[in-house]
């Protein structure tokens, strides 16, 4: 009887070991196949794009989770182009099939799910209008000058210094606001800060020597605070590209 129990226990042990072994293998296969929960939205993103940065910041700060597909801009995945033929990032495909193709729409969607820091400034209508105006100025006025400043050799009709001076008009406006409080609209960050600072970071990187000695001390301090902060560090983590590995990663909460 003892021998029978021994062998039965042993058989049970090996059966259980086999089960967990298969479970582990199945888990590995699932990871290799990049199966993600069907309810999780899919975000196509490019790490260094400031528009994609602001979208990832909105998602992260809302505590929302998405399935991240990192791409290379010159090799755009067919599923992304099928969802958004304009071919720019970020693109967020929601679980209900809706497609968000604008970074601000993604920020508003994420913070609409959960906004623990009131980045959307609910209850502060005047500040909401200010944020909207500043973000629009960043996107429609400052960004074109930023592109010409960064890629001045592509726009030989004017000098790089000229393009920088045009961009400085917005920089000076932010400097004035930041001389009054720690963040753009108050002492607390809002959607305006997170939507704008990735572009100011890009501006600062064109000529770091010039920027570091430029007469914008409040803006420099504000930018450093965001760039060196935990949120930006988190959204700038490097991921393998989806086309190369077919891997998706849970991003967010």
C-alpha atoms as a PDB file:
ATOM      1  CA  UNK A   1       0.000   0.000   0.000  1.00  0.00           C
ATOM      2  CA  UNK A   2       2.822   2.361   0.876  1.00  0.00           C
ATOM      3  CA  UNK A   3       4.476   1.636  -2.439  1.00  0.00           C
ATOM      4  CA  UNK A   4       1.209   2.352  -4.234  1.00  0.00           C
ATOM      5  CA  UNK A   5       0.834   5.679  -2.443  1.00  0.00           C
ATOM      6  CA  UNK A   6       4.428   6.578  -3.263  1.00  0.00           C
ATOM      7  CA  UNK A   7       4.013   5.935  -6.948  1.00  0.00           C
ATOM      8  CA  UNK A   8       0.606   7.613  -7.021  1.00  0.00           C
ATOM      9  CA  UNK A   9       2.041  10.680  -5.331  1.00  0.00           C
ATOM     10  CA  UNK A  10       4.938  10.605  -7.693  1.00  0.00           C
ATOM     11  CA  UNK A  11       2.610  10.382 -10.684  1.00  0.00           C
ATOM     12  CA  UNK A  12       0.569  13.234  -9.268  1.00  0.00           C
ATOM     13  CA  UNK A  13       3.744  15.284  -8.798  1.00  0.00           C
ATOM     14  CA  UNK A  14       4.879  14.697 -12.389  1.00  0.00           C
ATOM     15  CA  UNK A  15       1.407  15.437 -13.714  1.00  0.00           C
ATOM     16  CA  UNK A  16       1.360  18.704 -11.806  1.00  0.00           C
ATOM     17  CA  UNK A  17       4.878  19.538 -12.979  1.00  0.00           C
ATOM     18  CA  UNK A  18       3.863  18.808 -16.553  1.00  0.00           C
ATOM     19  CA  UNK A  19       0.815  21.051 -16.151  1.00  0.00           C
ATOM     20  CA  UNK A  20       2.849  23.998 -14.875  1.00  0.00           C
ATOM     21  CA  UNK A  21       5.489  23.374 -17.511  1.00  0.00           C
ATOM     22  CA  UNK A  22       2.835  23.558 -20.217  1.00  0.00           C
ATOM     23  CA  UNK A  23       1.390  26.638 -18.527  1.00  0.00           C
ATOM     24  CA  UNK A  24       4.799  28.321 -18.606  1.00  0.00           C
ATOM     25  CA  UNK A  25       5.304  27.373 -22.255  1.00  0.00           C
ATOM     26  CA  UNK A  26       1.831  28.661 -23.093  1.00  0.00           C
ATOM     27  CA  UNK A  27       2.651  31.941 -21.357  1.00  0.00           C
ATOM     28  CA  UNK A  28       5.846  32.254 -23.403  1.00  0.00           C
ATOM     29  CA  UNK A  29       3.961  31.495 -26.615  1.00  0.00           C
ATOM     30  CA  UNK A  30       1.360  34.138 -25.746  1.00  0.00           C
ATOM     31  CA  UNK A  31       4.124  36.646 -25.129  1.00  0.00           C
ATOM     32  CA  UNK A  32       5.777  35.742 -28.438  1.00  0.00           C
ATOM     33  CA  UNK A  33       2.461  36.063 -30.249  1.00  0.00           C
ATOM     34  CA  UNK A  34       1.855  39.373 -28.454  1.00  0.00           C
ATOM     35  CA  UNK A  35      -1.701  38.521 -27.526  1.00  0.00           C
ATOM     36  CA  UNK A  36      -3.203  41.421 -25.589  1.00  0.00           C
ATOM     37  CA  UNK A  37      -6.580  41.856 -23.897  1.00  0.00           C
ATOM     38  CA  UNK A  38      -9.222  42.514 -26.526  1.00  0.00           C
ATOM     39  CA  UNK A  39     -10.522  45.484 -24.546  1.00  0.00           C
ATOM     40  CA  UNK A  40      -7.182  47.319 -24.520  1.00  0.00           C
ATOM     41  CA  UNK A  41      -6.841  50.268 -26.937  1.00  0.00           C
ATOM     42  CA  UNK A  42      -3.888  50.161 -29.350  1.00  0.00           C
ATOM     43  CA  UNK A  43      -1.501  53.108 -29.554  1.00  0.00           C
ATOM     44  CA  UNK A  44       0.850  53.566 -32.500  1.00  0.00           C
ATOM     45  CA  UNK A  45       3.669  55.800 -31.353  1.00  0.00           C
ATOM     46  CA  UNK A  46       7.149  57.035 -32.225  1.00  0.00           C
ATOM     47  CA  UNK A  47       9.317  57.677 -29.196  1.00  0.00           C
ATOM     48  CA  UNK A  48      10.930  60.957 -30.295  1.00  0.00           C
ATOM     49  CA  UNK A  49       7.888  62.651 -31.834  1.00  0.00           C
ATOM     50  CA  UNK A  50       6.669  65.517 -29.597  1.00  0.00           C
ATOM     51  CA  UNK A  51       3.059  64.888 -30.602  1.00  0.00           C
ATOM     52  CA  UNK A  52       3.402  61.248 -29.561  1.00  0.00           C
ATOM     53  CA  UNK A  53       5.131  62.353 -26.349  1.00  0.00           C
ATOM     54  CA  UNK A  54       2.178  64.511 -25.343  1.00  0.00           C
ATOM     55  CA  UNK A  55      -0.229  61.671 -26.086  1.00  0.00           C
ATOM     56  CA  UNK A  56       1.790  59.233 -23.962  1.00  0.00           C
ATOM     57  CA  UNK A  57       1.962  61.801 -21.169  1.00  0.00           C
ATOM     58  CA  UNK A  58      -1.818  62.147 -21.173  1.00  0.00           C
ATOM     59  CA  UNK A  59      -2.254  58.382 -21.034  1.00  0.00           C
ATOM     60  CA  UNK A  60       0.329  57.937 -18.292  1.00  0.00           C
ATOM     61  CA  UNK A  61      -0.968  60.752 -16.101  1.00  0.00           C
ATOM     62  CA  UNK A  62      -4.533  59.484 -16.421  1.00  0.00           C
ATOM     63  CA  UNK A  63      -3.564  56.034 -15.185  1.00  0.00           C
ATOM     64  CA  UNK A  64      -5.076  54.497 -18.328  1.00  0.00           C
ATOM     65  CA  UNK A  65      -3.494  51.486 -20.041  1.00  0.00           C
ATOM     66  CA  UNK A  66      -3.002  50.928 -23.759  1.00  0.00           C
ATOM     67  CA  UNK A  67      -1.235  48.399 -25.922  1.00  0.00           C
ATOM     68  CA  UNK A  68       1.794  50.228 -27.317  1.00  0.00           C
ATOM     69  CA  UNK A  69       3.136  49.590 -30.809  1.00  0.00           C
ATOM     70  CA  UNK A  70       6.380  51.489 -31.348  1.00  0.00           C
ATOM     71  CA  UNK A  71       7.029  52.310 -35.005  1.00  0.00           C
ATOM     72  CA  UNK A  72       9.682  53.803 -37.268  1.00  0.00           C
ATOM     73  CA  UNK A  73       8.299  56.673 -39.325  1.00  0.00           C
ATOM     74  CA  UNK A  74       9.786  55.550 -42.627  1.00  0.00           C
ATOM     75  CA  UNK A  75       8.385  52.020 -42.185  1.00  0.00           C
ATOM     76  CA  UNK A  76       4.762  52.528 -41.263  1.00  0.00           C
ATOM     77  CA  UNK A  77       2.771  49.363 -40.488  1.00  0.00           C
ATOM     78  CA  UNK A  78      -0.113  48.507 -42.785  1.00  0.00           C
ATOM     79  CA  UNK A  79      -2.619  48.141 -39.910  1.00  0.00           C
ATOM     80  CA  UNK A  80      -1.786  51.675 -38.806  1.00  0.00           C
ATOM     81  CA  UNK A  81      -2.192  53.064 -42.330  1.00  0.00           C
ATOM     82  CA  UNK A  82      -5.458  51.172 -42.728  1.00  0.00           C
ATOM     83  CA  UNK A  83      -6.751  52.828 -39.576  1.00  0.00           C
ATOM     84  CA  UNK A  84      -5.252  56.246 -40.304  1.00  0.00           C
ATOM     85  CA  UNK A  85      -4.223  56.810 -43.953  1.00  0.00           C
ATOM     86  CA  UNK A  86      -2.550  60.150 -43.175  1.00  0.00           C
ATOM     87  CA  UNK A  87       0.288  58.121 -41.703  1.00  0.00           C
ATOM     88  CA  UNK A  88       1.271  60.309 -38.758  1.00  0.00           C
ATOM     89  CA  UNK A  89       1.631  59.415 -35.106  1.00  0.00           C
ATOM     90  CA  UNK A  90       0.138  59.115 -32.630  1.00  0.00           C
ATOM     91  CA  UNK A  91      -2.845  56.976 -33.581  1.00  0.00           C
ATOM     92  CA  UNK A  92      -5.070  55.419 -30.931  1.00  0.00           C
ATOM     93  CA  UNK A  93      -7.529  52.685 -31.883  1.00  0.00           C
ATOM     94  CA  UNK A  94     -10.141  52.371 -29.164  1.00  0.00           C
ATOM     95  CA  UNK A  95     -11.822  49.144 -28.122  1.00  0.00           C
ATOM     96  CA  UNK A  96     -15.108  50.238 -29.696  1.00  0.00           C
ATOM     97  CA  UNK A  97     -13.397  50.813 -33.057  1.00  0.00           C
ATOM     98  CA  UNK A  98     -13.145  54.585 -32.866  1.00  0.00           C
ATOM     99  CA  UNK A  99      -9.859  56.029 -34.105  1.00  0.00           C
ATOM    100  CA  UNK A 100      -8.168  59.068 -32.592  1.00  0.00           C
ATOM    101  CA  UNK A 101      -5.592  60.593 -34.926  1.00  0.00           C
ATOM    102  CA  UNK A 102      -4.725  63.805 -33.078  1.00  0.00           C
ATOM    103  CA  UNK A 103      -2.495  63.955 -30.023  1.00  0.00           C
ATOM    104  CA  UNK A 104      -4.744  66.412 -28.196  1.00  0.00           C
ATOM    105  CA  UNK A 105      -7.765  64.201 -28.799  1.00  0.00           C
ATOM    106  CA  UNK A 106      -5.833  61.327 -27.234  1.00  0.00           C
ATOM    107  CA  UNK A 107      -4.898  63.471 -24.231  1.00  0.00           C
ATOM    108  CA  UNK A 108      -8.509  64.547 -23.757  1.00  0.00           C
ATOM    109  CA  UNK A 109      -9.772  60.986 -24.169  1.00  0.00           C
ATOM    110  CA  UNK A 110      -7.334  59.606 -21.584  1.00  0.00           C
ATOM    111  CA  UNK A 111      -7.908  62.386 -19.070  1.00  0.00           C
ATOM    112  CA  UNK A 112     -11.625  62.077 -19.689  1.00  0.00           C
ATOM    113  CA  UNK A 113     -11.370  58.521 -18.342  1.00  0.00           C
ATOM    114  CA  UNK A 114      -9.513  59.651 -15.243  1.00  0.00           C
ATOM    115  CA  UNK A 115      -7.942  62.985 -14.326  1.00  0.00           C
ATOM    116  CA  UNK A 116      -6.593  62.666 -10.771  1.00  0.00           C
ATOM    117  CA  UNK A 117      -4.572  65.893 -11.015  1.00  0.00           C
ATOM    118  CA  UNK A 118      -7.297  67.923 -12.771  1.00  0.00           C
ATOM    119  CA  UNK A 119      -5.026  68.610 -15.720  1.00  0.00           C
ATOM    120  CA  UNK A 120      -8.109  69.517 -17.741  1.00  0.00           C
ATOM    121  CA  UNK A 121      -8.765  72.371 -15.299  1.00  0.00           C
ATOM    122  CA  UNK A 122     -12.376  71.401 -14.637  1.00  0.00           C
ATOM    123  CA  UNK A 123     -14.062  74.196 -12.722  1.00  0.00           C
ATOM    124  CA  UNK A 124     -11.659  76.832 -14.051  1.00  0.00           C
ATOM    125  CA  UNK A 125     -13.211  78.039 -17.284  1.00  0.00           C
ATOM    126  CA  UNK A 126     -10.877  81.001 -17.713  1.00  0.00           C
ATOM    127  CA  UNK A 127      -7.780  78.816 -17.343  1.00  0.00           C
ATOM    128  CA  UNK A 128      -9.272  76.274 -19.736  1.00  0.00           C
ATOM    129  CA  UNK A 129      -9.603  78.983 -22.376  1.00  0.00           C
ATOM    130  CA  UNK A 130      -6.053  80.142 -21.745  1.00  0.00           C
ATOM    131  CA  UNK A 131      -4.757  76.593 -22.092  1.00  0.00           C
ATOM    132  CA  UNK A 132      -6.659  76.102 -25.331  1.00  0.00           C
ATOM    133  CA  UNK A 133      -5.293  79.356 -26.784  1.00  0.00           C
ATOM    134  CA  UNK A 134      -1.695  78.611 -25.786  1.00  0.00           C
ATOM    135  CA  UNK A 135      -1.757  75.073 -27.144  1.00  0.00           C
ATOM    136  CA  UNK A 136      -3.229  76.332 -30.418  1.00  0.00           C
ATOM    137  CA  UNK A 137      -0.484  78.958 -30.615  1.00  0.00           C
ATOM    138  CA  UNK A 138       2.129  76.274 -29.999  1.00  0.00           C
ATOM    139  CA  UNK A 139       0.728  74.018 -32.692  1.00  0.00           C
ATOM    140  CA  UNK A 140      -0.130  76.531 -35.402  1.00  0.00           C
ATOM    141  CA  UNK A 141       2.379  79.355 -34.902  1.00  0.00           C
ATOM    142  CA  UNK A 142       5.406  78.076 -32.993  1.00  0.00           C
ATOM    143  CA  UNK A 143       5.728  74.573 -34.470  1.00  0.00           C
ATOM    144  CA  UNK A 144       6.245  75.701 -38.108  1.00  0.00           C
ATOM    145  CA  UNK A 145       9.045  78.039 -36.995  1.00  0.00           C
ATOM    146  CA  UNK A 146      10.509  75.269 -34.861  1.00  0.00           C
ATOM    147  CA  UNK A 147      10.660  72.971 -37.884  1.00  0.00           C
ATOM    148  CA  UNK A 148      12.385  75.621 -39.981  1.00  0.00           C
ATOM    149  CA  UNK A 149      14.807  76.391 -37.160  1.00  0.00           C
ATOM    150  CA  UNK A 150      15.647  72.715 -36.691  1.00  0.00           C
ATOM    151  CA  UNK A 151      15.930  71.980 -40.421  1.00  0.00           C
ATOM    152  CA  UNK A 152      17.181  75.379 -41.594  1.00  0.00           C
ATOM    153  CA  UNK A 153      19.181  73.846 -44.440  1.00  0.00           C
ATOM    154  CA  UNK A 154      15.884  72.821 -46.055  1.00  0.00           C
ATOM    155  CA  UNK A 155      14.638  76.418 -45.965  1.00  0.00           C
ATOM    156  CA  UNK A 156      17.522  78.492 -47.383  1.00  0.00           C
ATOM    157  CA  UNK A 157      15.338  81.536 -48.027  1.00  0.00           C
ATOM    158  CA  UNK A 158      16.161  82.713 -44.472  1.00  0.00           C
ATOM    159  CA  UNK A 159      18.872  82.096 -41.897  1.00  0.00           C
ATOM    160  CA  UNK A 160      18.596  79.734 -38.968  1.00  0.00           C
ATOM    161  CA  UNK A 161      18.904  82.714 -36.653  1.00  0.00           C
ATOM    162  CA  UNK A 162      15.878  84.303 -38.320  1.00  0.00           C
ATOM    163  CA  UNK A 163      13.782  81.173 -37.772  1.00  0.00           C
ATOM    164  CA  UNK A 164      14.910  81.014 -34.151  1.00  0.00           C
ATOM    165  CA  UNK A 165      13.919  84.629 -33.596  1.00  0.00           C
ATOM    166  CA  UNK A 166      10.440  83.921 -34.941  1.00  0.00           C
ATOM    167  CA  UNK A 167      10.117  80.989 -32.555  1.00  0.00           C
ATOM    168  CA  UNK A 168      11.336  83.140 -29.694  1.00  0.00           C
ATOM    169  CA  UNK A 169       8.136  85.169 -29.821  1.00  0.00           C
ATOM    170  CA  UNK A 170       6.287  82.217 -28.295  1.00  0.00           C
ATOM    171  CA  UNK A 171       9.212  81.415 -26.008  1.00  0.00           C
ATOM    172  CA  UNK A 172       9.101  84.971 -24.649  1.00  0.00           C
ATOM    173  CA  UNK A 173       5.363  84.663 -24.041  1.00  0.00           C
ATOM    174  CA  UNK A 174       5.914  81.515 -21.991  1.00  0.00           C
ATOM    175  CA  UNK A 175       8.784  83.160 -20.102  1.00  0.00           C
ATOM    176  CA  UNK A 176       6.457  85.977 -19.092  1.00  0.00           C
ATOM    177  CA  UNK A 177       3.827  83.541 -17.811  1.00  0.00           C
ATOM    178  CA  UNK A 178       6.414  81.461 -15.979  1.00  0.00           C
ATOM    179  CA  UNK A 179       7.745  84.538 -14.214  1.00  0.00           C
ATOM    180  CA  UNK A 180       4.369  84.711 -12.450  1.00  0.00           C
ATOM    181  CA  UNK A 181       4.056  81.089 -11.301  1.00  0.00           C
ATOM    182  CA  UNK A 182       5.903  77.789 -11.426  1.00  0.00           C
ATOM    183  CA  UNK A 183       3.875  76.347 -14.295  1.00  0.00           C
ATOM    184  CA  UNK A 184       2.387  78.017 -17.338  1.00  0.00           C
ATOM    185  CA  UNK A 185      -1.025  78.859 -15.886  1.00  0.00           C
ATOM    186  CA  UNK A 186      -0.532  78.436 -12.132  1.00  0.00           C
ATOM    187  CA  UNK A 187       1.763  76.778  -9.635  1.00  0.00           C
ATOM    188  CA  UNK A 188       0.316  73.389 -10.615  1.00  0.00           C
ATOM    189  CA  UNK A 189       0.889  71.739 -14.011  1.00  0.00           C
ATOM    190  CA  UNK A 190      -2.012  71.471 -16.421  1.00  0.00           C
ATOM    191  CA  UNK A 191      -2.676  70.092 -19.868  1.00  0.00           C
ATOM    192  CA  UNK A 192      -1.006  73.240 -21.232  1.00  0.00           C
ATOM    193  CA  UNK A 193       2.336  72.302 -19.672  1.00  0.00           C
ATOM    194  CA  UNK A 194       2.255  68.687 -20.813  1.00  0.00           C
ATOM    195  CA  UNK A 195       1.022  69.532 -24.308  1.00  0.00           C
ATOM    196  CA  UNK A 196       3.662  72.221 -24.864  1.00  0.00           C
ATOM    197  CA  UNK A 197       6.899  71.243 -23.155  1.00  0.00           C
ATOM    198  CA  UNK A 198       7.846  68.423 -25.602  1.00  0.00           C
ATOM    199  CA  UNK A 199       8.051  71.083 -28.329  1.00  0.00           C
ATOM    200  CA  UNK A 200      10.092  73.464 -26.174  1.00  0.00           C
ATOM    201  CA  UNK A 201      12.416  70.564 -25.444  1.00  0.00           C
ATOM    202  CA  UNK A 202      12.859  70.083 -29.187  1.00  0.00           C
ATOM    203  CA  UNK A 203      13.537  73.796 -29.619  1.00  0.00           C
ATOM    204  CA  UNK A 204      16.145  73.735 -26.846  1.00  0.00           C
ATOM    205  CA  UNK A 205      17.960  70.835 -28.481  1.00  0.00           C
ATOM    206  CA  UNK A 206      18.666  72.582 -31.787  1.00  0.00           C
ATOM    207  CA  UNK A 207      21.422  74.691 -30.231  1.00  0.00           C
ATOM    208  CA  UNK A 208      21.850  73.769 -26.571  1.00  0.00           C
ATOM    209  CA  UNK A 209      24.709  76.206 -26.029  1.00  0.00           C
ATOM    210  CA  UNK A 210      22.587  79.125 -27.212  1.00  0.00           C
ATOM    211  CA  UNK A 211      19.506  77.979 -25.296  1.00  0.00           C
ATOM    212  CA  UNK A 212      21.329  77.521 -22.000  1.00  0.00           C
ATOM    213  CA  UNK A 213      22.577  81.106 -22.049  1.00  0.00           C
ATOM    214  CA  UNK A 214      19.423  82.659 -23.532  1.00  0.00           C
ATOM    215  CA  UNK A 215      17.534  85.182 -21.353  1.00  0.00           C
ATOM    216  CA  UNK A 216      14.731  82.783 -20.411  1.00  0.00           C
ATOM    217  CA  UNK A 217      15.609  81.591 -16.879  1.00  0.00           C
ATOM    218  CA  UNK A 218      12.066  80.738 -15.830  1.00  0.00           C
ATOM    219  CA  UNK A 219      11.386  78.741 -18.969  1.00  0.00           C
ATOM    220  CA  UNK A 220      14.709  76.919 -18.623  1.00  0.00           C
ATOM    221  CA  UNK A 221      13.882  75.949 -15.036  1.00  0.00           C
ATOM    222  CA  UNK A 222      10.358  74.862 -15.994  1.00  0.00           C
ATOM    223  CA  UNK A 223      11.614  72.783 -18.916  1.00  0.00           C
ATOM    224  CA  UNK A 224      14.311  71.100 -16.829  1.00  0.00           C
ATOM    225  CA  UNK A 225      11.736  70.206 -14.194  1.00  0.00           C
ATOM    226  CA  UNK A 226       9.560  68.412 -16.733  1.00  0.00           C
ATOM    227  CA  UNK A 227      12.351  66.767 -18.718  1.00  0.00           C
ATOM    228  CA  UNK A 228      14.009  65.454 -15.565  1.00  0.00           C
ATOM    229  CA  UNK A 229      10.713  64.410 -13.977  1.00  0.00           C
ATOM    230  CA  UNK A 230       9.509  60.857 -13.445  1.00  0.00           C
ATOM    231  CA  UNK A 231       6.642  61.123 -15.944  1.00  0.00           C
ATOM    232  CA  UNK A 232       8.863  62.105 -18.855  1.00  0.00           C
ATOM    233  CA  UNK A 233      11.449  59.483 -17.927  1.00  0.00           C
ATOM    234  CA  UNK A 234       8.691  56.877 -17.971  1.00  0.00           C
ATOM    235  CA  UNK A 235       7.236  57.819 -21.360  1.00  0.00           C
ATOM    236  CA  UNK A 236      10.702  57.928 -22.947  1.00  0.00           C
ATOM    237  CA  UNK A 237      11.522  54.324 -22.138  1.00  0.00           C
ATOM    238  CA  UNK A 238      12.796  52.565 -25.253  1.00  0.00           C
ATOM    239  CA  UNK A 239      10.758  49.730 -26.761  1.00  0.00           C
ATOM    240  CA  UNK A 240      11.564  47.423 -29.677  1.00  0.00           C
ATOM    241  CA  UNK A 241       9.714  48.401 -32.833  1.00  0.00           C
ATOM    242  CA  UNK A 242       6.551  46.501 -33.567  1.00  0.00           C
ATOM    243  CA  UNK A 243       7.417  45.695 -37.200  1.00  0.00           C
ATOM    244  CA  UNK A 244      10.723  44.119 -36.190  1.00  0.00           C
ATOM    245  CA  UNK A 245       9.491  42.043 -33.267  1.00  0.00           C
ATOM    246  CA  UNK A 246       5.665  41.991 -33.480  1.00  0.00           C
ATOM    247  CA  UNK A 247       5.767  42.808 -29.773  1.00  0.00           C
ATOM    248  CA  UNK A 248       3.237  45.015 -28.057  1.00  0.00           C
ATOM    249  CA  UNK A 249       3.728  46.396 -24.579  1.00  0.00           C
ATOM    250  CA  UNK A 250       1.282  47.447 -21.928  1.00  0.00           C
ATOM    251  CA  UNK A 251       1.812  51.173 -21.479  1.00  0.00           C
ATOM    252  CA  UNK A 252       0.271  53.332 -18.789  1.00  0.00           C
ATOM    253  CA  UNK A 253      -1.017  52.331 -15.391  1.00  0.00           C
END
